Protein backbone atom coordinates (compact mmCIF):
# COMPACT_ATOMS: atom_id res chain seq x y z
CA MET A 1 -34.36 27.72 27.92
CA PRO A 2 -32.07 25.47 30.33
CA ARG A 3 -31.71 22.13 28.65
CA THR A 4 -33.32 19.39 31.21
CA SER A 5 -33.62 15.38 30.74
CA PRO A 6 -36.76 13.91 29.71
CA ILE A 7 -35.79 10.91 32.27
CA GLY A 8 -34.49 12.97 35.02
CA SER A 9 -34.50 10.48 37.88
CA SER A 10 -32.05 7.85 37.64
CA ARG A 11 -34.83 5.14 38.97
CA LEU A 12 -37.03 5.91 35.57
CA ARG A 13 -33.84 5.25 33.58
CA ARG A 14 -33.04 1.85 35.01
CA GLU A 15 -36.49 1.13 34.61
CA LEU A 16 -36.26 2.14 31.01
CA ARG A 17 -33.18 0.44 30.28
CA VAL A 18 -34.94 -2.69 31.46
CA LEU A 19 -37.64 -2.23 28.97
CA GLU A 20 -35.52 -1.48 26.35
CA SER A 21 -33.34 -4.85 27.03
CA LYS A 22 -36.99 -6.87 27.17
CA ALA A 23 -38.05 -5.63 23.79
CA ALA A 24 -34.77 -5.81 22.09
CA ALA A 25 -34.21 -9.26 23.75
CA GLY A 26 -37.63 -10.59 22.19
CA GLU A 27 -36.88 -9.05 18.59
CA VAL A 28 -33.18 -10.61 18.46
CA ALA A 29 -34.81 -14.08 19.96
CA ILE A 30 -37.33 -13.84 17.05
CA ALA A 31 -34.54 -13.19 14.37
CA VAL A 32 -32.26 -16.11 15.48
CA THR A 33 -34.72 -18.57 16.19
CA SER A 34 -36.14 -17.97 12.62
CA ALA A 35 -33.15 -17.66 11.13
CA ALA A 36 -31.98 -21.05 12.70
CA MET A 37 -35.24 -22.61 11.55
CA ARG A 38 -34.17 -21.54 8.12
CA VAL A 39 -30.90 -23.26 8.47
CA CYS A 40 -32.05 -26.17 9.87
CA GLY A 41 -34.99 -26.72 7.51
CA GLY A 42 -37.01 -29.57 8.47
CA ALA A 43 -34.82 -31.07 11.03
CA ALA A 44 -35.11 -28.21 12.60
CA PHE A 45 -38.66 -29.35 13.91
CA SER A 46 -37.14 -32.48 15.69
CA LYS A 47 -37.49 -32.63 19.04
CA HIS A 48 -33.65 -33.69 19.97
CA LEU A 49 -32.68 -30.22 18.35
CA ALA A 50 -34.99 -28.06 20.65
CA ILE A 51 -35.07 -25.51 18.23
CA GLU A 52 -38.54 -25.81 17.57
CA ARG A 53 -39.14 -25.29 21.37
CA LEU A 54 -36.89 -21.90 21.15
CA PHE A 55 -38.80 -21.00 17.95
CA ARG A 56 -42.33 -21.24 19.84
CA ASP A 57 -41.19 -19.57 23.04
CA ALA A 58 -39.44 -16.50 21.12
CA HIS A 59 -42.72 -16.08 19.04
CA ALA A 60 -44.98 -16.54 22.29
CA GLY A 61 -43.16 -13.57 23.95
CA THR A 62 -45.07 -11.57 20.96
CA VAL A 63 -48.15 -12.25 22.63
CA MET A 64 -47.35 -12.30 26.14
CA ALA A 65 -47.82 -9.11 28.24
CA PRO A 66 -46.08 -6.86 28.19
CA THR A 67 -45.84 -6.94 24.51
CA GLY A 68 -43.04 -5.45 22.47
CA ASN A 69 -45.53 -2.85 21.34
CA VAL A 70 -46.66 -1.86 24.87
CA LEU A 71 -43.07 -2.03 25.82
CA ARG A 72 -42.12 0.55 23.33
CA ASP A 73 -44.96 2.90 24.28
CA PHE A 74 -43.66 2.64 27.95
CA ILE A 75 -40.39 3.58 27.06
CA GLY A 76 -41.40 6.38 24.47
CA LYS A 77 -44.04 7.82 27.14
CA PRO A 78 -41.62 10.35 28.88
CA PHE A 79 -39.83 11.61 25.81
CA TRP A 80 -43.39 12.31 24.54
CA GLU A 81 -44.14 13.82 27.66
CA TYR A 82 -41.29 16.05 27.63
CA ARG A 83 -41.50 17.26 24.28
CA CYS A 84 -45.12 18.14 24.76
CA SER A 85 -44.48 20.13 28.00
CA ARG A 86 -41.48 21.82 26.26
CA ASP A 87 -43.68 22.62 23.32
CA ASP A 88 -46.27 24.13 25.32
CA ALA A 89 -43.57 26.16 27.23
CA ARG A 90 -42.76 27.83 24.16
CA ALA A 91 -46.23 28.62 23.25
CA ASN A 92 -46.56 30.66 26.26
């Protein structure tokens, strides 16, 4: 059986990279701002450092559409469909 890519078109590959980047950026933003809050302690809540705003904005991304979970569903769907179609082809 010839091996084919689950994401054949270059447009789909670009779109998946954008979604992957957005999901990863959201996760990294939460990790970085959480670490900054721990490092700065109580001073992190001061308005002059802007850490509290960045922390709030990073966490807001987890509830604003599309959320990281929805993005991962979009990213995984072509691979899941490819696997299912490959399994169906083997069964026939």
